[in-house]
Amino acid sequence: MSQATKRKHVVKEVLGDFVTPTESQQIVRVVGSPGNNLHEAVTANGERFLVSMPTKFRKNIWIKRGDFVIVDPIEEGEKVKGEITSILYKDHIRHLQTIGVWPDGFCEDSTLEERRLAQQQEEREEEENEENGGMTDSEEDDSDLFVNTNRINYHYSESEEETDEDEEEDEEESRQNITGGKD
């Protein structure tokens, strides 16, 4: 089987199938990724441990912090105590919540997190309104734009003061122009 065909089947399996965890499996949240296809996970009870990603998911499916996965326990593991069997997306989570399999510890976290994010968004909007002072987007200054620190900024300014020599030369030229060049 070619790599593209394998990837297609793995993605179809992950996105299409609504999986329910068995009695031995558990749902965990990914809280970090130390590397080497290992992910730090936390259960609904707050227990932290490492889980490994099987080779079929590697370079095909990406997991980030905050994602939920179903994990098979590894009995002989000291540090790595589980292997990811399924990755849960929003539709999967809704399905598990409707059938009543979703852990209660994650229900509280998700509602609290949604409230916290909504509150932060409101605070940001209020701050932006205060900073703008009623100005529209076209009237705002460009102070928040990205500044390339790799370039040297040269500030040129013309001096309003002229030296005495420059003034004398200018006066002499103007006299010569008036008298036709004769002194």
N, C-alpha and C. Protein backbone atom coordinates (compact mmCIF):
# COMPACT_ATOMS: atom_id res chain seq x y z
N MET A 1 0.84 -1.16 0.00
CA MET A 1 0.00 0.00 0.00
C MET A 1 0.90 1.24 0.00
N SER A 2 0.57 2.19 -0.85
CA SER A 2 1.38 3.40 -0.93
C SER A 2 1.14 4.29 0.29
N GLN A 3 2.05 5.23 0.47
CA GLN A 3 1.96 6.14 1.61
C GLN A 3 0.69 6.99 1.52
N ALA A 4 0.35 7.45 0.31
CA ALA A 4 -0.84 8.29 0.13
C ALA A 4 -2.11 7.51 0.44
N THR A 5 -2.18 6.27 0.00
CA THR A 5 -3.34 5.43 0.26
C THR A 5 -3.48 5.15 1.75
N LYS A 6 -2.35 4.88 2.41
CA LYS A 6 -2.36 4.62 3.85
C LYS A 6 -2.87 5.85 4.58
N ARG A 7 -2.35 7.02 4.21
CA ARG A 7 -2.77 8.27 4.85
C ARG A 7 -4.26 8.49 4.66
N LYS A 8 -4.77 8.23 3.47
CA LYS A 8 -6.18 8.42 3.18
C LYS A 8 -7.05 7.55 4.08
N HIS A 9 -6.67 6.30 4.27
CA HIS A 9 -7.44 5.38 5.10
C HIS A 9 -7.38 5.76 6.58
N VAL A 10 -6.22 6.18 7.03
CA VAL A 10 -6.07 6.57 8.44
C VAL A 10 -6.91 7.81 8.73
N VAL A 11 -6.86 8.80 7.86
CA VAL A 11 -7.63 10.02 8.06
C VAL A 11 -9.13 9.71 8.02
N LYS A 12 -9.54 8.86 7.09
CA LYS A 12 -10.95 8.48 7.00
C LYS A 12 -11.40 7.76 8.27
N GLU A 13 -10.55 6.90 8.80
CA GLU A 13 -10.87 6.17 10.02
C GLU A 13 -11.01 7.13 11.21
N VAL A 14 -10.09 8.07 11.34
CA VAL A 14 -10.09 8.99 12.48
C VAL A 14 -11.29 9.94 12.41
N LEU A 15 -11.55 10.50 11.25
CA LEU A 15 -12.61 11.50 11.12
C LEU A 15 -14.00 10.89 11.03
N GLY A 16 -14.12 9.70 10.47
CA GLY A 16 -15.43 9.14 10.19
C GLY A 16 -16.04 8.31 11.29
N ASP A 17 -15.25 7.52 11.98
CA ASP A 17 -15.79 6.59 12.95
C ASP A 17 -16.05 7.27 14.29
N PHE A 18 -17.26 7.03 14.83
CA PHE A 18 -17.58 7.49 16.18
C PHE A 18 -17.30 6.34 17.13
N VAL A 19 -16.21 6.46 17.88
CA VAL A 19 -15.73 5.39 18.73
C VAL A 19 -16.16 5.66 20.17
N THR A 20 -16.59 4.61 20.85
CA THR A 20 -16.86 4.72 22.28
C THR A 20 -15.79 3.92 23.01
N PRO A 21 -15.28 4.44 24.11
CA PRO A 21 -14.22 3.73 24.83
C PRO A 21 -14.76 2.46 25.50
N THR A 22 -13.93 1.43 25.52
CA THR A 22 -14.28 0.19 26.20
C THR A 22 -14.04 0.37 27.70
N GLU A 23 -14.26 -0.68 28.47
CA GLU A 23 -14.08 -0.59 29.92
C GLU A 23 -12.63 -0.33 30.30
N SER A 24 -11.68 -0.88 29.54
CA SER A 24 -10.27 -0.70 29.87
C SER A 24 -9.72 0.64 29.35
N GLN A 25 -10.34 1.20 28.34
CA GLN A 25 -9.87 2.45 27.75
C GLN A 25 -10.38 3.64 28.56
N GLN A 26 -9.69 4.77 28.43
CA GLN A 26 -10.14 5.99 29.09
C GLN A 26 -9.92 7.19 28.20
N ILE A 27 -10.69 8.24 28.45
CA ILE A 27 -10.59 9.49 27.71
C ILE A 27 -9.68 10.41 28.51
N VAL A 28 -8.68 10.99 27.82
CA VAL A 28 -7.74 11.90 28.47
C VAL A 28 -7.57 13.14 27.61
N ARG A 29 -7.08 14.20 28.23
CA ARG A 29 -6.78 15.45 27.52
C ARG A 29 -5.27 15.57 27.38
N VAL A 30 -4.80 15.95 26.20
CA VAL A 30 -3.38 16.15 25.95
C VAL A 30 -3.01 17.53 26.50
N VAL A 31 -1.97 17.57 27.36
CA VAL A 31 -1.55 18.84 27.95
C VAL A 31 -0.16 19.25 27.51
N GLY A 32 0.54 18.38 26.81
CA GLY A 32 1.88 18.74 26.35
C GLY A 32 2.45 17.66 25.46
N SER A 33 3.56 17.99 24.81
CA SER A 33 4.21 17.05 23.93
C SER A 33 5.72 17.14 24.12
N PRO A 34 6.29 16.26 24.96
CA PRO A 34 7.72 16.33 25.20
C PRO A 34 8.58 15.87 24.03
N GLY A 35 8.00 15.19 23.05
CA GLY A 35 8.74 14.76 21.88
C GLY A 35 8.76 13.25 21.73
N ASN A 36 9.41 12.79 20.67
CA ASN A 36 9.52 11.36 20.36
C ASN A 36 8.16 10.67 20.30
N ASN A 37 7.17 11.34 19.73
CA ASN A 37 5.82 10.80 19.60
C ASN A 37 5.20 10.43 20.93
N LEU A 38 5.60 11.13 21.97
CA LEU A 38 5.00 10.98 23.29
C LEU A 38 4.20 12.24 23.60
N HIS A 39 3.12 12.07 24.32
CA HIS A 39 2.27 13.20 24.71
C HIS A 39 1.95 13.07 26.18
N GLU A 40 2.00 14.19 26.89
CA GLU A 40 1.62 14.19 28.29
C GLU A 40 0.11 14.38 28.35
N ALA A 41 -0.55 13.50 29.11
CA ALA A 41 -2.00 13.53 29.18
C ALA A 41 -2.45 13.61 30.63
N VAL A 42 -3.66 14.12 30.81
CA VAL A 42 -4.26 14.21 32.14
C VAL A 42 -5.66 13.62 32.06
N THR A 43 -6.02 12.82 33.08
CA THR A 43 -7.35 12.23 33.13
C THR A 43 -8.33 13.23 33.72
N ALA A 44 -9.60 12.85 33.76
CA ALA A 44 -10.63 13.71 34.36
C ALA A 44 -10.40 13.86 35.86
N ASN A 45 -9.70 12.90 36.47
CA ASN A 45 -9.40 12.96 37.91
C ASN A 45 -8.17 13.81 38.21
N GLY A 46 -7.39 14.16 37.20
CA GLY A 46 -6.20 14.98 37.39
C GLY A 46 -4.90 14.19 37.37
N GLU A 47 -4.94 12.90 37.10
CA GLU A 47 -3.73 12.08 37.04
C GLU A 47 -2.99 12.37 35.74
N ARG A 48 -1.68 12.61 35.84
CA ARG A 48 -0.86 12.91 34.66
C ARG A 48 0.06 11.73 34.34
N PHE A 49 0.20 11.44 33.04
CA PHE A 49 1.12 10.40 32.59
C PHE A 49 1.40 10.60 31.11
N LEU A 50 2.35 9.85 30.59
CA LEU A 50 2.71 9.93 29.17
C LEU A 50 1.95 8.87 28.38
N VAL A 51 1.58 9.23 27.16
CA VAL A 51 0.97 8.28 26.22
C VAL A 51 1.76 8.33 24.92
N SER A 52 1.80 7.21 24.24
CA SER A 52 2.55 7.15 22.98
C SER A 52 1.58 7.17 21.81
N MET A 53 2.08 7.67 20.70
CA MET A 53 1.29 7.71 19.47
C MET A 53 1.69 6.53 18.60
N PRO A 54 0.74 5.71 18.17
CA PRO A 54 1.11 4.56 17.32
C PRO A 54 1.63 4.99 15.96
N THR A 55 2.35 4.11 15.33
CA THR A 55 3.00 4.46 14.05
C THR A 55 2.00 4.80 12.96
N LYS A 56 0.79 4.28 13.00
CA LYS A 56 -0.18 4.57 11.94
C LYS A 56 -0.61 6.03 11.95
N PHE A 57 -0.55 6.70 13.13
CA PHE A 57 -0.92 8.11 13.20
C PHE A 57 0.24 9.05 12.91
N ARG A 58 1.46 8.59 13.06
CA ARG A 58 2.62 9.46 12.93
C ARG A 58 2.70 10.04 11.51
N LYS A 59 2.94 11.33 11.41
CA LYS A 59 3.05 12.08 10.16
C LYS A 59 1.75 12.10 9.36
N ASN A 60 0.66 11.58 9.95
CA ASN A 60 -0.64 11.60 9.27
C ASN A 60 -1.66 12.43 10.04
N ILE A 61 -1.66 12.28 11.34
CA ILE A 61 -2.61 12.97 12.20
C ILE A 61 -1.82 13.78 13.22
N TRP A 62 -2.25 15.02 13.45
CA TRP A 62 -1.53 15.89 14.38
C TRP A 62 -2.38 16.12 15.62
N ILE A 63 -1.70 16.12 16.77
CA ILE A 63 -2.36 16.34 18.05
C ILE A 63 -1.73 17.57 18.68
N LYS A 64 -2.56 18.43 19.25
CA LYS A 64 -2.04 19.61 19.92
C LYS A 64 -2.57 19.66 21.35
N ARG A 65 -2.04 20.61 22.14
CA ARG A 65 -2.49 20.76 23.52
C ARG A 65 -3.98 21.04 23.56
N GLY A 66 -4.67 20.38 24.49
CA GLY A 66 -6.10 20.60 24.66
C GLY A 66 -6.95 19.58 23.93
N ASP A 67 -6.38 18.80 23.01
CA ASP A 67 -7.14 17.78 22.30
C ASP A 67 -7.44 16.62 23.23
N PHE A 68 -8.54 15.93 22.94
CA PHE A 68 -8.94 14.76 23.71
C PHE A 68 -8.66 13.50 22.90
N VAL A 69 -8.19 12.45 23.57
CA VAL A 69 -7.90 11.18 22.91
C VAL A 69 -8.40 10.03 23.78
N ILE A 70 -8.62 8.89 23.13
CA ILE A 70 -8.94 7.65 23.85
C ILE A 70 -7.65 6.86 23.94
N VAL A 71 -7.36 6.34 25.13
CA VAL A 71 -6.08 5.70 25.40
C VAL A 71 -6.30 4.27 25.90
N ASP A 72 -5.49 3.36 25.35
CA ASP A 72 -5.41 1.99 25.87
C ASP A 72 -4.30 1.96 26.91
N PRO A 73 -4.55 1.35 28.08
CA PRO A 73 -3.48 1.30 29.09
C PRO A 73 -2.37 0.34 28.70
N ILE A 74 -1.14 0.68 29.10
CA ILE A 74 0.01 -0.22 28.94
C ILE A 74 0.39 -0.65 30.35
N GLU A 75 0.27 -1.93 30.63
CA GLU A 75 0.47 -2.44 31.99
C GLU A 75 1.93 -2.36 32.43
N GLU A 76 2.86 -2.69 31.54
CA GLU A 76 4.26 -2.76 31.94
C GLU A 76 4.96 -1.41 31.89
N GLY A 77 4.27 -0.37 31.53
CA GLY A 77 4.90 0.94 31.40
C GLY A 77 5.09 1.63 32.74
N GLU A 78 6.30 2.19 32.94
CA GLU A 78 6.54 2.98 34.15
C GLU A 78 6.22 4.44 33.89
N LYS A 79 6.82 5.01 32.85
CA LYS A 79 6.54 6.40 32.51
C LYS A 79 5.42 6.49 31.50
N VAL A 80 5.51 5.70 30.43
CA VAL A 80 4.49 5.70 29.39
C VAL A 80 3.43 4.68 29.79
N LYS A 81 2.25 5.19 30.13
CA LYS A 81 1.21 4.31 30.69
C LYS A 81 0.05 4.09 29.74
N GLY A 82 0.16 4.55 28.49
CA GLY A 82 -0.94 4.34 27.57
C GLY A 82 -0.54 4.57 26.13
N GLU A 83 -1.39 4.05 25.24
CA GLU A 83 -1.18 4.23 23.80
C GLU A 83 -2.47 4.78 23.21
N ILE A 84 -2.34 5.79 22.38
CA ILE A 84 -3.50 6.45 21.77
C ILE A 84 -4.15 5.49 20.78
N THR A 85 -5.46 5.30 20.94
CA THR A 85 -6.18 4.46 19.98
C THR A 85 -7.08 5.28 19.08
N SER A 86 -7.55 6.42 19.57
CA SER A 86 -8.44 7.25 18.78
C SER A 86 -8.29 8.71 19.21
N ILE A 87 -8.46 9.60 18.26
CA ILE A 87 -8.39 11.03 18.51
C ILE A 87 -9.81 11.58 18.40
N LEU A 88 -10.22 12.37 19.39
CA LEU A 88 -11.59 12.87 19.44
C LEU A 88 -11.65 14.32 18.98
N TYR A 89 -12.53 14.57 18.01
CA TYR A 89 -12.78 15.93 17.54
C TYR A 89 -14.13 16.39 18.06
N LYS A 90 -14.57 17.59 17.73
CA LYS A 90 -15.79 18.16 18.29
C LYS A 90 -17.00 17.27 18.09
N ASP A 91 -17.15 16.72 16.89
CA ASP A 91 -18.30 15.85 16.62
C ASP A 91 -18.25 14.59 17.48
N HIS A 92 -17.06 14.03 17.65
CA HIS A 92 -16.91 12.84 18.48
C HIS A 92 -17.27 13.15 19.93
N ILE A 93 -16.82 14.31 20.41
CA ILE A 93 -17.09 14.70 21.80
C ILE A 93 -18.58 14.89 22.01
N ARG A 94 -19.26 15.56 21.08
CA ARG A 94 -20.72 15.74 21.19
C ARG A 94 -21.43 14.39 21.23
N HIS A 95 -20.98 13.47 20.38
CA HIS A 95 -21.58 12.14 20.33
C HIS A 95 -21.42 11.43 21.67
N LEU A 96 -20.21 11.50 22.25
CA LEU A 96 -19.96 10.84 23.54
C LEU A 96 -20.76 11.51 24.66
N GLN A 97 -20.97 12.82 24.58
CA GLN A 97 -21.76 13.51 25.59
C GLN A 97 -23.23 13.12 25.50
N THR A 98 -23.73 12.94 24.28
CA THR A 98 -25.14 12.58 24.12
C THR A 98 -25.43 11.16 24.61
N ILE A 99 -24.46 10.26 24.44
CA ILE A 99 -24.70 8.89 24.91
C ILE A 99 -24.31 8.72 26.38
N GLY A 100 -23.76 9.77 26.99
CA GLY A 100 -23.49 9.75 28.42
C GLY A 100 -22.18 9.08 28.82
N VAL A 101 -21.23 8.98 27.93
CA VAL A 101 -19.96 8.33 28.22
C VAL A 101 -18.88 9.35 28.60
N TRP A 102 -19.11 10.62 28.31
CA TRP A 102 -18.11 11.66 28.52
C TRP A 102 -17.85 11.85 30.02
N PRO A 103 -16.57 11.90 30.45
CA PRO A 103 -16.26 12.06 31.88
C PRO A 103 -16.74 13.40 32.42
N ASP A 104 -17.26 13.39 33.65
CA ASP A 104 -17.78 14.61 34.27
C ASP A 104 -16.70 15.65 34.51
N GLY A 105 -15.48 15.21 34.81
CA GLY A 105 -14.37 16.14 35.07
C GLY A 105 -14.07 17.03 33.88
N PHE A 106 -14.26 16.51 32.68
CA PHE A 106 -14.00 17.31 31.47
C PHE A 106 -15.20 18.19 31.13
N CYS A 107 -16.39 17.82 31.55
CA CYS A 107 -17.56 18.68 31.31
C CYS A 107 -17.41 19.99 32.04
N GLU A 108 -16.97 19.94 33.31
CA GLU A 108 -16.77 21.16 34.09
C GLU A 108 -15.68 22.02 33.46
N ASP A 109 -14.59 21.36 33.07
CA ASP A 109 -13.47 22.11 32.49
C ASP A 109 -13.86 22.82 31.22
N SER A 110 -14.63 22.14 30.37
CA SER A 110 -14.97 22.75 29.08
C SER A 110 -15.91 23.93 29.27
N THR A 111 -16.89 23.82 30.18
CA THR A 111 -17.79 24.95 30.38
C THR A 111 -17.07 26.11 31.05
N LEU A 112 -16.20 25.80 32.01
CA LEU A 112 -15.43 26.86 32.66
C LEU A 112 -14.49 27.53 31.67
N GLU A 113 -13.88 26.71 30.81
CA GLU A 113 -12.95 27.26 29.82
C GLU A 113 -13.69 28.14 28.82
N GLU A 114 -14.88 27.71 28.39
CA GLU A 114 -15.66 28.51 27.46
C GLU A 114 -16.04 29.85 28.09
N ARG A 115 -16.44 29.83 29.36
CA ARG A 115 -16.79 31.07 30.05
C ARG A 115 -15.58 31.99 30.16
N ARG A 116 -14.43 31.39 30.52
CA ARG A 116 -13.21 32.18 30.68
C ARG A 116 -12.80 32.81 29.35
N LEU A 117 -12.88 32.04 28.26
CA LEU A 117 -12.53 32.58 26.94
C LEU A 117 -13.49 33.69 26.53
N ALA A 118 -14.78 33.52 26.81
CA ALA A 118 -15.76 34.55 26.46
C ALA A 118 -15.49 35.82 27.26
N GLN A 119 -15.15 35.66 28.55
CA GLN A 119 -14.86 36.82 29.39
C GLN A 119 -13.60 37.54 28.89
N GLN A 120 -12.57 36.78 28.51
CA GLN A 120 -11.35 37.39 28.00
C GLN A 120 -11.63 38.15 26.71
N GLN A 121 -12.47 37.59 25.85
CA GLN A 121 -12.81 38.24 24.59
C GLN A 121 -13.53 39.57 24.86
N GLU A 122 -14.45 39.57 25.83
CA GLU A 122 -15.17 40.80 26.16
C GLU A 122 -14.20 41.85 26.70
N GLU A 123 -13.26 41.42 27.56
CA GLU A 123 -12.28 42.36 28.11
C GLU A 123 -11.41 42.95 27.01
N ARG A 124 -11.00 42.13 26.05
CA ARG A 124 -10.19 42.63 24.94
C ARG A 124 -10.96 43.67 24.13
N GLU A 125 -12.23 43.39 23.87
CA GLU A 125 -13.04 44.33 23.10
C GLU A 125 -13.19 45.65 23.84
N GLU A 126 -13.39 45.58 25.17
CA GLU A 126 -13.51 46.81 25.96
C GLU A 126 -12.21 47.59 25.92
N GLU A 127 -11.08 46.90 26.06
CA GLU A 127 -9.78 47.58 26.02
C GLU A 127 -9.55 48.25 24.67
N GLU A 128 -9.90 47.55 23.59
CA GLU A 128 -9.72 48.12 22.26
C GLU A 128 -10.58 49.37 22.09
N ASN A 129 -11.81 49.33 22.60
CA ASN A 129 -12.69 50.49 22.48
C ASN A 129 -12.13 51.66 23.28
N GLU A 130 -11.57 51.37 24.47
CA GLU A 130 -10.98 52.44 25.27
C GLU A 130 -9.74 53.02 24.61
N GLU A 131 -8.90 52.15 24.03
CA GLU A 131 -7.68 52.60 23.37
C GLU A 131 -7.99 53.43 22.14
N ASN A 132 -8.99 53.01 21.39
CA ASN A 132 -9.33 53.72 20.16
C ASN A 132 -9.96 55.07 20.46
N GLY A 133 -10.64 55.19 21.54
CA GLY A 133 -11.27 56.45 21.89
C GLY A 133 -12.32 56.88 20.87
N GLY A 134 -12.99 55.91 20.28
CA GLY A 134 -14.04 56.23 19.31
C GLY A 134 -13.51 56.42 17.90
N MET A 135 -12.23 56.19 17.66
CA MET A 135 -11.70 56.37 16.31
C MET A 135 -12.07 55.16 15.46
N THR A 136 -12.26 55.38 14.18
CA THR A 136 -12.52 54.28 13.27
C THR A 136 -11.20 53.66 12.87
N ASP A 137 -11.29 52.55 12.16
CA ASP A 137 -10.07 51.84 11.75
C ASP A 137 -9.17 52.70 10.87
N SER A 138 -9.76 53.52 10.00
CA SER A 138 -8.94 54.32 9.09
C SER A 138 -8.23 55.46 9.82
N GLU A 139 -8.73 55.86 10.98
CA GLU A 139 -8.13 56.95 11.72
C GLU A 139 -7.05 56.48 12.70
N GLU A 140 -6.95 55.17 12.92
CA GLU A 140 -5.99 54.64 13.89
C GLU A 140 -4.56 54.84 13.39
N ASP A 141 -3.64 54.91 14.35
CA ASP A 141 -2.25 55.02 13.96
C ASP A 141 -1.68 53.63 13.71
N ASP A 142 -0.50 53.58 13.12
CA ASP A 142 0.11 52.32 12.75
C ASP A 142 1.12 51.85 13.80
N SER A 143 0.98 52.26 15.04
CA SER A 143 1.96 51.91 16.07
C SER A 143 1.94 50.44 16.42
N ASP A 144 0.83 49.74 16.13
CA ASP A 144 0.76 48.33 16.46
C ASP A 144 1.24 47.42 15.33
N LEU A 145 1.73 48.00 14.25
CA LEU A 145 2.22 47.20 13.13
C LEU A 145 3.56 46.57 13.47
N PHE A 146 3.89 45.49 12.79
CA PHE A 146 5.14 44.78 13.00
C PHE A 146 6.31 45.64 12.57
N VAL A 147 7.34 45.67 13.39
CA VAL A 147 8.55 46.42 13.08
C VAL A 147 9.67 45.41 12.88
N ASN A 148 10.32 45.46 11.73
CA ASN A 148 11.41 44.55 11.44
C ASN A 148 12.65 45.02 12.17
N THR A 149 13.07 44.27 13.17
CA THR A 149 14.23 44.66 13.96
C THR A 149 15.55 44.27 13.29
N ASN A 150 15.48 43.56 12.19
CA ASN A 150 16.69 43.17 11.48
C ASN A 150 17.20 44.28 10.57
N ARG A 151 16.42 45.29 10.37
CA ARG A 151 16.82 46.40 9.51
C ARG A 151 17.23 47.58 10.38
N ILE A 152 18.24 48.28 9.93
CA ILE A 152 18.68 49.46 10.64
C ILE A 152 17.82 50.63 10.18
N ASN A 153 17.28 51.34 11.14
CA ASN A 153 16.45 52.51 10.82
C ASN A 153 17.31 53.75 10.85
N TYR A 154 17.35 54.46 9.73
CA TYR A 154 18.07 55.71 9.66
C TYR A 154 17.06 56.84 9.76
N HIS A 155 17.32 57.76 10.63
CA HIS A 155 16.44 58.91 10.77
C HIS A 155 17.18 60.13 10.23
N TYR A 156 16.71 60.64 9.12
CA TYR A 156 17.31 61.81 8.52
C TYR A 156 16.50 63.04 8.93
N SER A 157 17.20 64.05 9.32
CA SER A 157 16.51 65.29 9.63
C SER A 157 17.34 66.44 9.06
N GLU A 158 16.66 67.39 8.50
CA GLU A 158 17.35 68.56 7.95
C GLU A 158 17.51 69.57 9.05
N SER A 159 18.68 70.12 9.10
CA SER A 159 18.96 71.12 10.13
C SER A 159 18.39 72.46 9.69
N GLU A 160 17.69 73.12 10.57
CA GLU A 160 17.12 74.42 10.25
C GLU A 160 18.14 75.52 10.43
N GLU A 161 19.15 75.24 11.20
CA GLU A 161 20.18 76.25 11.44
C GLU A 161 21.29 76.09 10.41
N GLU A 162 21.70 77.19 9.83
CA GLU A 162 22.81 77.14 8.90
C GLU A 162 24.03 77.72 9.58
N THR A 163 25.16 77.27 9.20
CA THR A 163 26.38 77.80 9.80
C THR A 163 26.66 79.19 9.23
N ASP A 164 27.56 79.91 9.87
CA ASP A 164 27.92 81.25 9.43
C ASP A 164 28.52 81.24 8.04
N GLU A 165 29.30 80.21 7.72
CA GLU A 165 29.92 80.13 6.40
C GLU A 165 28.87 79.98 5.32
N ASP A 166 27.86 79.12 5.59
CA ASP A 166 26.80 78.92 4.60
C ASP A 166 26.04 80.22 4.37
N GLU A 167 25.78 80.98 5.42
CA GLU A 167 25.06 82.24 5.28
C GLU A 167 25.88 83.24 4.48
N GLU A 168 27.19 83.32 4.75
CA GLU A 168 28.04 84.26 4.03
C GLU A 168 28.11 83.90 2.55
N GLU A 169 28.22 82.61 2.25
CA GLU A 169 28.26 82.18 0.84
C GLU A 169 26.96 82.52 0.14
N ASP A 170 25.83 82.31 0.82
CA ASP A 170 24.53 82.60 0.22
C ASP A 170 24.39 84.10 -0.05
N GLU A 171 24.84 84.94 0.89
CA GLU A 171 24.75 86.39 0.71
C GLU A 171 25.63 86.84 -0.44
N GLU A 172 26.85 86.26 -0.54
CA GLU A 172 27.78 86.65 -1.61
C GLU A 172 27.21 86.26 -2.97
N GLU A 173 26.61 85.07 -3.07
CA GLU A 173 26.01 84.64 -4.34
C GLU A 173 24.86 85.56 -4.73
N SER A 174 24.05 85.94 -3.75
CA SER A 174 22.92 86.81 -4.09
C SER A 174 23.42 88.19 -4.52
N ARG A 175 24.50 88.72 -3.93
CA ARG A 175 25.05 90.01 -4.36
C ARG A 175 25.58 89.92 -5.78
N GLN A 176 26.25 88.80 -6.07
CA GLN A 176 26.83 88.65 -7.41
C GLN A 176 25.71 88.58 -8.45
N ASN A 177 24.63 87.92 -8.11
CA ASN A 177 23.51 87.83 -9.04
C ASN A 177 22.88 89.20 -9.30
N ILE A 178 22.79 90.00 -8.27
CA ILE A 178 22.18 91.32 -8.40
C ILE A 178 23.09 92.26 -9.21
N THR A 179 24.38 92.31 -8.90
CA THR A 179 25.31 93.23 -9.55
C THR A 179 25.84 92.69 -10.86
N GLY A 180 25.47 91.50 -11.21
CA GLY A 180 25.92 90.92 -12.49
C GLY A 180 27.30 90.33 -12.38
N GLY A 181 27.75 90.01 -11.18
CA GLY A 181 29.03 89.34 -11.01
C GLY A 181 30.17 90.27 -10.82
N LYS A 182 29.95 91.61 -10.74
CA LYS A 182 31.03 92.55 -10.54
C LYS A 182 31.01 93.04 -9.11
N ASP A 183 32.16 93.06 -8.46
CA ASP A 183 32.26 93.60 -7.12
C ASP A 183 32.84 94.96 -7.12
